[in-house]
N, C-alpha and C. Protein backbone atom coordinates (compact mmCIF):
# COMPACT_ATOMS: atom_id res chain seq x y z
N MET A 1 0.84 -1.19 0.00
CA MET A 1 0.00 0.00 0.00
C MET A 1 0.88 1.24 0.00
N SER A 2 0.49 2.21 -0.75
CA SER A 2 1.26 3.43 -0.90
C SER A 2 1.23 4.27 0.38
N GLU A 3 2.39 4.77 0.77
CA GLU A 3 2.47 5.63 1.96
C GLU A 3 2.05 7.06 1.65
N ILE A 4 2.24 7.46 0.39
CA ILE A 4 1.94 8.83 -0.01
C ILE A 4 0.56 8.86 -0.67
N THR A 5 -0.33 9.64 -0.08
CA THR A 5 -1.69 9.75 -0.61
C THR A 5 -1.90 11.17 -1.13
N PRO A 6 -2.90 11.37 -1.98
CA PRO A 6 -3.19 12.72 -2.43
C PRO A 6 -3.51 13.68 -1.28
N ASP A 7 -4.18 13.17 -0.25
CA ASP A 7 -4.49 14.02 0.91
C ASP A 7 -3.21 14.46 1.62
N LEU A 8 -2.24 13.56 1.72
CA LEU A 8 -0.96 13.90 2.34
C LEU A 8 -0.23 14.96 1.50
N VAL A 9 -0.26 14.81 0.19
CA VAL A 9 0.39 15.80 -0.69
C VAL A 9 -0.30 17.16 -0.55
N ARG A 10 -1.61 17.18 -0.48
CA ARG A 10 -2.33 18.45 -0.29
C ARG A 10 -1.95 19.08 1.05
N HIS A 11 -1.86 18.25 2.10
CA HIS A 11 -1.48 18.74 3.43
C HIS A 11 -0.06 19.32 3.39
N LEU A 12 0.87 18.62 2.74
CA LEU A 12 2.23 19.14 2.61
C LEU A 12 2.26 20.45 1.84
N GLY A 13 1.41 20.56 0.83
CA GLY A 13 1.30 21.80 0.07
C GLY A 13 0.84 22.95 0.95
N VAL A 14 -0.13 22.69 1.82
CA VAL A 14 -0.62 23.72 2.75
C VAL A 14 0.50 24.12 3.71
N LEU A 15 1.22 23.14 4.24
CA LEU A 15 2.31 23.45 5.17
C LEU A 15 3.40 24.27 4.49
N ALA A 16 3.65 23.97 3.21
CA ALA A 16 4.69 24.70 2.46
C ALA A 16 4.14 25.98 1.84
N ARG A 17 2.85 26.21 2.04
CA ARG A 17 2.17 27.38 1.47
C ARG A 17 2.30 27.42 -0.05
N ILE A 18 2.09 26.24 -0.64
CA ILE A 18 2.12 26.09 -2.09
C ILE A 18 0.73 25.65 -2.54
N GLN A 19 0.13 26.41 -3.42
CA GLN A 19 -1.19 26.04 -3.93
C GLN A 19 -0.99 25.04 -5.06
N LEU A 20 -1.55 23.85 -4.92
CA LEU A 20 -1.37 22.77 -5.89
C LEU A 20 -2.68 22.48 -6.60
N SER A 21 -2.58 22.31 -7.92
CA SER A 21 -3.76 21.91 -8.69
C SER A 21 -3.95 20.41 -8.52
N ASP A 22 -5.13 19.90 -8.94
CA ASP A 22 -5.38 18.46 -8.85
C ASP A 22 -4.38 17.68 -9.70
N GLU A 23 -4.00 18.22 -10.85
CA GLU A 23 -3.01 17.57 -11.71
C GLU A 23 -1.65 17.48 -11.01
N GLU A 24 -1.25 18.56 -10.36
CA GLU A 24 0.02 18.56 -9.64
C GLU A 24 -0.01 17.59 -8.46
N VAL A 25 -1.13 17.53 -7.77
CA VAL A 25 -1.26 16.60 -6.64
C VAL A 25 -1.10 15.17 -7.14
N GLY A 26 -1.75 14.85 -8.26
CA GLY A 26 -1.64 13.50 -8.81
C GLY A 26 -0.21 13.17 -9.22
N ARG A 27 0.45 14.10 -9.89
CA ARG A 27 1.83 13.87 -10.33
C ARG A 27 2.78 13.75 -9.14
N LEU A 28 2.64 14.65 -8.18
CA LEU A 28 3.51 14.63 -7.01
C LEU A 28 3.28 13.41 -6.13
N THR A 29 2.05 12.93 -6.08
CA THR A 29 1.77 11.72 -5.30
C THR A 29 2.60 10.56 -5.82
N GLY A 30 2.60 10.37 -7.12
CA GLY A 30 3.39 9.30 -7.72
C GLY A 30 4.88 9.50 -7.53
N GLN A 31 5.35 10.73 -7.73
CA GLN A 31 6.78 11.01 -7.61
C GLN A 31 7.27 10.84 -6.18
N LEU A 32 6.52 11.36 -5.22
CA LEU A 32 6.93 11.23 -3.82
C LEU A 32 6.87 9.78 -3.36
N ASP A 33 5.88 9.04 -3.86
CA ASP A 33 5.78 7.62 -3.50
C ASP A 33 6.99 6.86 -4.03
N ALA A 34 7.43 7.18 -5.25
CA ALA A 34 8.62 6.52 -5.82
C ALA A 34 9.87 6.86 -5.00
N ILE A 35 9.96 8.10 -4.54
CA ILE A 35 11.11 8.51 -3.71
C ILE A 35 11.12 7.72 -2.41
N VAL A 36 9.96 7.63 -1.76
CA VAL A 36 9.87 6.90 -0.49
C VAL A 36 10.21 5.42 -0.70
N ASP A 37 9.74 4.83 -1.80
CA ASP A 37 10.06 3.42 -2.10
C ASP A 37 11.55 3.23 -2.30
N ASN A 38 12.19 4.14 -3.02
CA ASN A 38 13.63 4.02 -3.26
C ASN A 38 14.43 4.19 -1.97
N ILE A 39 14.00 5.08 -1.11
CA ILE A 39 14.68 5.24 0.18
C ILE A 39 14.55 3.96 1.00
N ALA A 40 13.38 3.32 0.94
CA ALA A 40 13.17 2.06 1.67
C ALA A 40 14.09 0.97 1.12
N LYS A 41 14.29 0.94 -0.21
CA LYS A 41 15.19 -0.06 -0.80
C LYS A 41 16.62 0.16 -0.33
N VAL A 42 17.06 1.41 -0.31
CA VAL A 42 18.42 1.71 0.14
C VAL A 42 18.56 1.36 1.62
N SER A 43 17.56 1.68 2.41
CA SER A 43 17.60 1.38 3.84
C SER A 43 17.66 -0.13 4.09
N ALA A 44 17.05 -0.90 3.21
CA ALA A 44 17.04 -2.35 3.38
C ALA A 44 18.43 -2.95 3.21
N VAL A 45 19.27 -2.36 2.34
CA VAL A 45 20.61 -2.90 2.12
C VAL A 45 21.66 -2.21 2.98
N ALA A 46 21.30 -1.14 3.66
CA ALA A 46 22.24 -0.43 4.53
C ALA A 46 22.35 -1.20 5.84
N THR A 47 23.36 -2.05 5.92
CA THR A 47 23.58 -2.86 7.12
C THR A 47 24.79 -2.34 7.87
N PRO A 48 24.98 -2.74 9.11
CA PRO A 48 26.12 -2.24 9.90
C PRO A 48 27.48 -2.53 9.26
N ASP A 49 27.59 -3.60 8.46
CA ASP A 49 28.87 -3.92 7.85
C ASP A 49 29.15 -3.12 6.57
N VAL A 50 28.17 -2.34 6.10
CA VAL A 50 28.38 -1.48 4.94
C VAL A 50 28.72 -0.09 5.44
N VAL A 51 29.91 0.39 5.07
CA VAL A 51 30.35 1.71 5.52
C VAL A 51 29.58 2.80 4.78
N ALA A 52 29.06 3.75 5.53
CA ALA A 52 28.33 4.86 4.93
C ALA A 52 29.31 5.78 4.20
N THR A 53 28.93 6.19 3.00
CA THR A 53 29.77 7.12 2.24
C THR A 53 28.90 8.23 1.67
N SER A 54 29.49 9.39 1.55
CA SER A 54 28.79 10.49 0.91
C SER A 54 29.33 10.72 -0.49
N HIS A 55 30.50 10.10 -0.79
CA HIS A 55 31.13 10.27 -2.08
C HIS A 55 31.98 9.02 -2.36
N PRO A 56 32.03 8.55 -3.60
CA PRO A 56 32.75 7.31 -3.88
C PRO A 56 34.27 7.39 -3.72
N ILE A 57 34.84 8.59 -3.80
CA ILE A 57 36.28 8.71 -3.60
C ILE A 57 36.53 9.67 -2.44
N PRO A 58 37.59 9.44 -1.67
CA PRO A 58 37.86 10.30 -0.52
C PRO A 58 38.12 11.75 -0.94
N LEU A 59 37.53 12.66 -0.22
CA LEU A 59 37.72 14.09 -0.47
C LEU A 59 38.18 14.76 0.81
N THR A 60 38.92 15.83 0.65
CA THR A 60 39.36 16.60 1.81
C THR A 60 38.98 18.06 1.59
N ASN A 61 38.33 18.64 2.58
CA ASN A 61 38.00 20.06 2.49
C ASN A 61 39.25 20.90 2.67
N VAL A 62 39.33 21.97 1.93
CA VAL A 62 40.44 22.89 2.06
C VAL A 62 39.87 24.16 2.68
N PHE A 63 40.33 24.45 3.88
CA PHE A 63 39.83 25.62 4.58
C PHE A 63 40.92 26.68 4.65
N ARG A 64 40.53 27.92 4.58
CA ARG A 64 41.48 29.00 4.79
C ARG A 64 41.44 29.39 6.25
N GLU A 65 42.47 30.04 6.70
CA GLU A 65 42.50 30.53 8.07
C GLU A 65 41.42 31.59 8.24
N ASP A 66 40.68 31.50 9.32
CA ASP A 66 39.62 32.47 9.58
C ASP A 66 40.23 33.65 10.35
N VAL A 67 40.50 34.71 9.61
CA VAL A 67 41.13 35.89 10.20
C VAL A 67 40.13 37.04 10.14
N PRO A 68 39.79 37.61 11.30
CA PRO A 68 38.84 38.74 11.28
C PRO A 68 39.42 39.91 10.51
N GLY A 69 38.56 40.58 9.74
CA GLY A 69 38.99 41.74 8.98
C GLY A 69 38.54 43.01 9.67
N GLY A 70 38.56 44.08 8.93
CA GLY A 70 38.13 45.36 9.48
C GLY A 70 36.64 45.35 9.79
N GLU A 71 36.28 45.99 10.86
CA GLU A 71 34.87 46.03 11.25
C GLU A 71 34.19 47.24 10.62
N LEU A 72 32.90 47.07 10.35
CA LEU A 72 32.10 48.16 9.82
C LEU A 72 31.45 48.92 10.97
N THR A 73 31.27 50.19 10.76
CA THR A 73 30.54 50.98 11.75
C THR A 73 29.05 50.73 11.55
N PRO A 74 28.24 50.99 12.56
CA PRO A 74 26.79 50.82 12.38
C PRO A 74 26.25 51.65 11.21
N GLU A 75 26.81 52.82 10.99
CA GLU A 75 26.36 53.66 9.88
C GLU A 75 26.66 53.00 8.54
N GLN A 76 27.86 52.39 8.42
CA GLN A 76 28.21 51.70 7.18
C GLN A 76 27.32 50.49 6.94
N VAL A 77 26.99 49.78 8.00
CA VAL A 77 26.14 48.60 7.86
C VAL A 77 24.76 48.99 7.37
N LEU A 78 24.22 50.07 7.89
CA LEU A 78 22.84 50.47 7.59
C LEU A 78 22.71 51.39 6.38
N GLN A 79 23.82 51.81 5.78
CA GLN A 79 23.73 52.81 4.72
C GLN A 79 22.91 52.37 3.51
N ASN A 80 22.87 51.08 3.20
CA ASN A 80 22.10 50.60 2.05
C ASN A 80 20.84 49.83 2.46
N ALA A 81 20.51 49.87 3.73
CA ALA A 81 19.31 49.16 4.21
C ALA A 81 18.07 49.84 3.65
N PRO A 82 17.08 49.04 3.21
CA PRO A 82 15.84 49.63 2.70
C PRO A 82 15.11 50.45 3.77
N ASP A 83 15.22 50.02 5.04
CA ASP A 83 14.57 50.74 6.12
C ASP A 83 15.34 50.45 7.41
N ALA A 84 15.59 51.48 8.19
CA ALA A 84 16.31 51.33 9.45
C ALA A 84 15.74 52.31 10.46
N ALA A 85 15.87 51.96 11.73
CA ALA A 85 15.42 52.85 12.80
C ALA A 85 16.23 52.53 14.05
N ASP A 86 16.65 53.54 14.75
CA ASP A 86 17.38 53.39 16.02
C ASP A 86 18.61 52.48 15.88
N GLY A 87 19.32 52.59 14.75
CA GLY A 87 20.53 51.80 14.55
C GLY A 87 20.29 50.33 14.26
N ARG A 88 19.08 50.00 13.82
CA ARG A 88 18.73 48.60 13.53
C ARG A 88 18.02 48.51 12.19
N PHE A 89 18.08 47.32 11.58
CA PHE A 89 17.29 47.06 10.38
C PHE A 89 15.83 47.02 10.77
N ARG A 90 14.97 47.60 9.94
CA ARG A 90 13.53 47.53 10.18
C ARG A 90 12.94 46.58 9.15
N VAL A 91 12.19 45.57 9.64
CA VAL A 91 11.58 44.58 8.75
C VAL A 91 10.08 44.48 9.05
N THR A 92 9.37 43.89 8.11
CA THR A 92 7.93 43.72 8.27
C THR A 92 7.64 42.69 9.37
N ALA A 93 6.68 42.98 10.20
CA ALA A 93 6.30 42.05 11.26
C ALA A 93 5.68 40.80 10.66
N ILE A 94 6.00 39.63 11.22
CA ILE A 94 5.43 38.38 10.71
C ILE A 94 4.60 37.67 11.78
N LEU A 95 4.59 38.18 12.99
CA LEU A 95 3.82 37.54 14.06
C LEU A 95 2.33 37.69 13.81
N GLY A 96 1.57 36.69 14.16
CA GLY A 96 0.13 36.74 14.00
C GLY A 96 -0.31 36.40 12.59
N GLU A 97 0.61 35.94 11.75
CA GLU A 97 0.28 35.61 10.38
C GLU A 97 -0.53 34.32 10.35
N GLU A 98 -1.53 34.26 9.48
CA GLU A 98 -2.36 33.06 9.34
C GLU A 98 -1.52 31.89 8.87
N GLN A 99 -1.83 30.69 9.36
CA GLN A 99 -1.09 29.49 8.93
C GLN A 99 -1.96 28.58 8.14
């Protein structure tokens, strides 16, 4: 039995605030179900004796030394801000927004 249902896809769309048409729900239901099935297949063969890898060949990250540079003044930081008040960025309130 399929784990992904059209109702679940619609619910995920609401949570993601994405309006989905019936055609999109149908297409995404099949695609998401295939993804879940493939993850289950991989999980079935992932045993403790199989070493987890993120890449088939070993890689090494190259990091530079983290050296602090010159600091900006509050005026420099805010000079290109769309809106500022009292030395701070001013943004639109998001509290109380419908979910």
